[in-house]
Amino acid sequence: MSSASTGTDGRYAVPDDRAGGPNDRRAAAEWRDARVVEVAHPSTDAVVLRLAVPERVQHHPGQHYVVRLRAPDGYTAQRSYSVASAPADDLVELFVERISDGEVSGYLADVVEPGDELEVRGPIGRWFVWNGRAPAVAIGGGSGVAPLVGMLRHATDLGHPERLRLAVSATTRDRLPYADELEAAGARIALTRAPGGSRLDMAAIAALVDPDVTVFLCGSARFTGAMETLLVDAGQPAGTIRVERFGPTG
């Protein structure tokens, strides 16, 4: 059911810019019972879930899934999580940060075990996607790095990790998801509250500016707003910046 095509990058599928045709989008809108295959806790306030999704529509780097929980009395709560796995991965990987009083994130972080089933819908999103063919810049803050890791893994699968330049920010290294992987990829890492820490300031952002590439920016509203202002002030055309904002929901 995938709309991906195999091109000059070898055996790995290169997602189409349209992020799926009508049939894929209809299939992605259906709820499915995904099986939890792996559960990892990289920190006390986060969990990484790897899911086997039946009749899966191949995702595009940058897309997300909705996870829905259902109580015995019929009450439901749902939350969206970006995909951190590459399209070529057999499983769908979601990074979940536990939010204070979060109904869904708390359950996923504290209760879910391998073998459990979760209702999911996706992949979703057509704007914040990167097919890996053209160079791009990706900037993320905190758990906003998750979709960027999916892009990085896709670029690596294609054999062209140099096509994606990365800059990420967190308060401390243990609060940065996928820190080892990002560091190994040569990402610029700013740790704002670490000893001798740094920020993604104007100089750091100016070094990433390229009017000919798309910039993918993901994080909280405060982070993305600040970074978008710096990018535009440094000369990045506003029309080349794609933003994915996140935050807690009720």
Protein backbone atom coordinates (compact mmCIF):
# COMPACT_ATOMS: atom_id res chain seq x y z
CA MET A 1 0.00 0.00 0.00
CA SER A 2 3.00 2.28 0.17
CA SER A 3 3.37 5.14 -2.27
CA ALA A 4 7.13 5.00 -1.93
CA SER A 5 9.26 4.34 -4.97
CA THR A 6 12.70 2.86 -5.39
CA GLY A 7 15.11 5.26 -7.09
CA THR A 8 18.80 5.82 -7.51
CA ASP A 9 19.44 5.55 -3.78
CA GLY A 10 19.46 1.76 -3.90
CA ARG A 11 17.13 -0.78 -2.37
CA TYR A 12 15.61 1.60 0.20
CA ALA A 13 12.31 3.22 -0.67
CA VAL A 14 12.34 6.98 -1.17
CA PRO A 15 8.99 8.44 -0.05
CA ASP A 16 7.14 10.63 -2.51
CA ASP A 17 6.80 14.36 -1.73
CA ARG A 18 3.03 14.00 -1.61
CA ALA A 19 3.30 11.77 1.47
CA GLY A 20 0.99 9.10 0.17
CA GLY A 21 -1.80 8.92 -2.38
CA PRO A 22 -5.54 8.88 -1.63
CA ASN A 23 -5.61 5.13 -0.96
CA ASP A 24 -2.74 5.38 1.51
CA ARG A 25 -4.35 8.32 3.30
CA ARG A 26 -7.65 6.47 3.64
CA ALA A 27 -5.87 3.42 5.01
CA ALA A 28 -3.81 5.54 7.40
CA ALA A 29 -7.02 7.06 8.80
CA GLU A 30 -8.24 3.66 10.02
CA TRP A 31 -7.69 2.58 13.62
CA ARG A 32 -5.60 -0.56 14.00
CA ASP A 33 -4.55 -2.73 16.93
CA ALA A 34 -0.76 -2.53 17.00
CA ARG A 35 1.27 -5.00 19.04
CA VAL A 36 3.95 -3.64 21.34
CA VAL A 37 7.15 -5.52 20.45
CA GLU A 38 9.76 -3.59 22.45
CA VAL A 39 9.68 -1.17 25.37
CA ALA A 40 12.71 0.85 26.48
CA HIS A 41 13.06 3.52 29.14
CA PRO A 42 15.97 5.81 28.15
CA SER A 43 15.19 8.05 31.14
CA THR A 44 12.79 8.19 34.07
CA ASP A 45 10.41 10.45 32.18
CA ALA A 46 10.38 8.84 28.74
CA VAL A 47 9.65 5.58 26.97
CA VAL A 48 10.45 4.28 23.50
CA LEU A 49 7.82 1.97 22.04
CA ARG A 50 8.38 -0.20 18.99
CA LEU A 51 5.14 -1.39 17.43
CA ALA A 52 4.13 -3.96 14.85
CA VAL A 53 1.29 -2.32 12.93
CA PRO A 54 -0.91 -4.68 10.86
CA GLU A 55 -1.45 -3.74 7.19
CA ARG A 56 0.88 -0.86 7.80
CA VAL A 57 1.11 2.06 5.41
CA GLN A 58 4.77 2.95 5.03
CA HIS A 59 5.38 6.28 6.72
CA HIS A 60 7.41 9.25 5.53
CA PRO A 61 10.08 10.79 7.77
CA GLY A 62 8.40 13.50 9.82
CA GLN A 63 4.94 11.92 10.05
CA HIS A 64 3.19 10.90 13.26
CA TYR A 65 0.77 8.36 14.72
CA VAL A 66 -2.17 8.87 17.04
CA VAL A 67 -2.36 6.48 20.00
CA ARG A 68 -5.79 5.99 21.60
CA LEU A 69 -6.46 4.50 25.03
CA ARG A 70 -9.87 3.12 25.91
CA ALA A 71 -11.17 2.62 29.47
CA PRO A 72 -13.62 -0.18 30.39
CA ASP A 73 -16.42 2.40 30.68
CA GLY A 74 -15.81 3.56 27.09
CA TYR A 75 -13.90 6.73 27.93
CA THR A 76 -11.08 7.41 25.45
CA ALA A 77 -8.02 9.62 25.41
CA GLN A 78 -5.60 10.03 22.53
CA ARG A 79 -2.30 11.72 21.77
CA SER A 80 -0.07 12.15 18.71
CA TYR A 81 3.56 11.00 18.64
CA SER A 82 6.13 11.50 15.89
CA VAL A 83 7.73 8.46 14.28
CA ALA A 84 11.42 8.08 15.08
CA SER A 85 12.01 5.01 12.92
CA ALA A 86 13.03 5.08 9.27
CA PRO A 87 10.53 3.99 6.58
CA ALA A 88 12.61 0.86 5.94
CA ASP A 89 12.24 -0.28 9.57
CA ASP A 90 9.84 -3.20 9.99
CA LEU A 91 8.50 -1.62 13.19
CA VAL A 92 7.11 1.81 14.04
CA GLU A 93 9.12 3.51 16.77
CA LEU A 94 7.53 6.20 18.94
CA PHE A 95 9.29 8.33 21.54
CA VAL A 96 6.96 9.31 24.37
CA GLU A 97 7.84 11.93 26.94
CA ARG A 98 5.86 11.65 30.17
CA ILE A 99 3.85 14.83 30.64
CA SER A 100 2.79 15.88 34.14
CA ASP A 101 -0.79 14.66 34.64
CA GLY A 102 -0.76 13.31 31.08
CA GLU A 103 -3.36 10.56 30.73
CA VAL A 104 -1.82 8.93 27.69
CA SER A 105 1.89 9.53 28.24
CA GLY A 106 1.76 8.33 31.85
CA TYR A 107 0.08 5.08 30.86
CA LEU A 108 2.48 4.46 27.98
CA ALA A 109 5.51 5.20 30.15
CA ASP A 110 4.47 3.30 33.28
CA VAL A 111 2.07 0.52 32.29
CA VAL A 112 2.60 -0.70 28.73
CA GLU A 113 4.65 -3.89 28.30
CA PRO A 114 5.75 -6.01 25.34
CA GLY A 115 2.84 -8.05 24.04
CA ASP A 116 0.24 -5.39 24.82
CA GLU A 117 -1.94 -4.00 22.08
CA LEU A 118 -2.55 -0.31 21.41
CA GLU A 119 -5.06 1.36 19.14
CA VAL A 120 -3.19 3.47 16.62
CA ARG A 121 -4.00 5.54 13.56
CA GLY A 122 -1.48 6.73 11.02
CA PRO A 123 0.85 7.70 9.56
CA ILE A 124 -0.46 11.25 9.46
CA GLY A 125 0.91 14.49 8.04
CA ARG A 126 1.81 15.82 4.61
CA TRP A 127 3.61 19.09 5.40
CA PHE A 128 6.41 18.13 7.77
CA VAL A 129 7.93 15.36 5.63
CA TRP A 130 11.31 14.86 3.98
CA ASN A 131 11.94 12.34 1.23
CA GLY A 132 15.72 12.32 1.62
CA ARG A 133 16.47 13.27 -1.98
CA ALA A 134 17.51 16.89 -1.46
CA PRO A 135 19.69 18.40 1.27
CA ALA A 136 17.83 19.72 4.30
CA VAL A 137 18.42 21.28 7.71
CA ALA A 138 16.67 19.95 10.82
CA ILE A 139 16.47 21.78 14.15
CA GLY A 140 14.83 20.24 17.21
CA GLY A 141 14.31 20.96 20.88
CA GLY A 142 13.81 18.29 23.56
CA SER A 143 11.45 15.53 22.45
CA GLY A 144 11.04 17.48 19.22
CA VAL A 145 14.11 15.67 17.95
CA ALA A 146 12.12 12.43 17.48
CA PRO A 147 10.93 13.06 13.90
CA LEU A 148 14.38 14.42 13.03
CA VAL A 149 15.91 11.13 14.17
CA GLY A 150 13.55 9.40 11.75
CA MET A 151 14.88 11.66 9.00
CA LEU A 152 18.47 10.94 10.02
CA ARG A 153 17.90 7.19 9.98
CA HIS A 154 16.30 7.44 6.54
CA ALA A 155 19.25 9.44 5.22
CA THR A 156 21.60 6.82 6.63
CA ASP A 157 19.61 4.02 5.01
CA LEU A 158 19.90 5.85 1.70
CA GLY A 159 23.66 6.07 2.17
CA HIS A 160 23.58 9.87 2.25
CA PRO A 161 23.64 11.06 5.88
CA GLU A 162 25.39 14.23 4.70
CA ARG A 163 22.13 15.42 3.15
CA LEU A 164 20.74 16.28 6.58
CA ARG A 165 22.39 18.88 8.81
CA LEU A 166 21.19 18.72 12.40
CA ALA A 167 21.11 21.11 15.34
CA VAL A 168 19.37 20.13 18.57
CA SER A 169 18.85 21.59 22.02
CA ALA A 170 17.98 20.30 25.48
CA THR A 171 18.56 21.40 29.06
CA THR A 172 21.04 18.58 29.81
CA ARG A 173 22.38 15.60 27.88
CA ASP A 174 20.23 13.10 29.77
CA ARG A 175 17.19 15.13 28.70
CA LEU A 176 18.13 14.88 25.03
CA PRO A 177 16.44 11.90 23.34
CA TYR A 178 18.75 9.81 21.15
CA ALA A 179 21.75 11.80 22.32
CA ASP A 180 24.34 9.16 21.38
CA GLU A 181 22.89 8.73 17.90
CA LEU A 182 22.71 12.45 17.27
CA GLU A 183 26.24 12.99 18.52
CA ALA A 184 27.56 10.19 16.30
CA ALA A 185 25.86 11.83 13.32
CA GLY A 186 27.70 15.08 13.95
CA ALA A 187 24.68 17.08 15.07
CA ARG A 188 25.34 20.43 16.74
CA ILE A 189 24.15 19.86 20.32
CA ALA A 190 23.32 22.75 22.63
CA LEU A 191 22.80 21.94 26.33
CA THR A 192 21.44 25.02 28.01
CA ARG A 193 21.77 23.98 31.67
CA ALA A 194 24.82 21.75 31.56
CA PRO A 195 28.15 22.98 32.99
CA GLY A 196 29.71 25.13 30.30
CA GLY A 197 26.53 24.73 28.28
CA SER A 198 25.53 26.58 25.15
CA ARG A 199 22.49 27.70 23.21
CA LEU A 200 21.39 27.72 19.62
CA ASP A 201 22.06 31.44 19.28
CA MET A 202 22.25 33.65 16.21
CA ALA A 203 25.77 32.52 15.35
CA ALA A 204 24.80 28.86 15.53
CA ILE A 205 21.66 29.35 13.46
CA ALA A 206 23.36 31.60 10.91
CA ALA A 207 25.81 28.78 10.19
CA LEU A 208 22.88 26.62 9.07
CA VAL A 209 21.19 29.14 6.79
CA ASP A 210 20.86 28.08 3.17
CA PRO A 211 18.11 29.64 1.03
CA ASP A 212 18.15 26.61 -1.26
CA VAL A 213 17.17 24.00 1.33
CA THR A 214 14.10 23.23 3.42
CA VAL A 215 14.45 23.69 7.17
CA PHE A 216 12.48 21.34 9.44
CA LEU A 217 11.91 22.84 12.88
CA CYS A 218 10.30 20.86 15.70
CA GLY A 219 9.75 21.49 19.40
CA SER A 220 7.65 23.46 21.83
CA ALA A 221 5.88 26.63 20.74
CA ARG A 222 8.41 28.73 22.63
CA PHE A 223 11.41 26.95 21.10
CA THR A 224 10.13 26.92 17.53
CA GLY A 225 9.06 30.56 17.75
CA ALA A 226 12.51 31.64 18.89
CA MET A 227 14.31 29.51 16.30
CA GLU A 228 12.07 30.64 13.46
CA THR A 229 12.78 34.28 14.31
CA LEU A 230 16.53 33.62 14.37
CA LEU A 231 16.37 31.77 11.05
CA VAL A 232 14.51 34.55 9.27
CA ASP A 233 16.71 37.26 10.80
CA ALA A 234 19.78 35.32 9.65
CA GLY A 235 18.51 35.22 6.07
CA GLN A 236 16.56 31.95 5.73
CA PRO A 237 13.48 32.60 3.57
CA ALA A 238 10.33 32.13 5.65
CA GLY A 239 8.76 30.03 2.89
CA THR A 240 11.47 27.38 3.24
CA ILE A 241 10.81 26.75 6.96
CA ARG A 242 8.44 23.97 8.00
CA VAL A 243 7.43 23.96 11.65
CA GLU A 244 5.97 21.20 13.83
CA ARG A 245 4.94 22.46 17.29
CA PHE A 246 3.94 20.28 20.21
CA GLY A 247 2.70 20.67 23.73
CA PRO A 248 0.59 19.01 26.41
CA THR A 249 -3.11 18.54 25.79
CA GLY A 250 -6.02 18.31 28.14
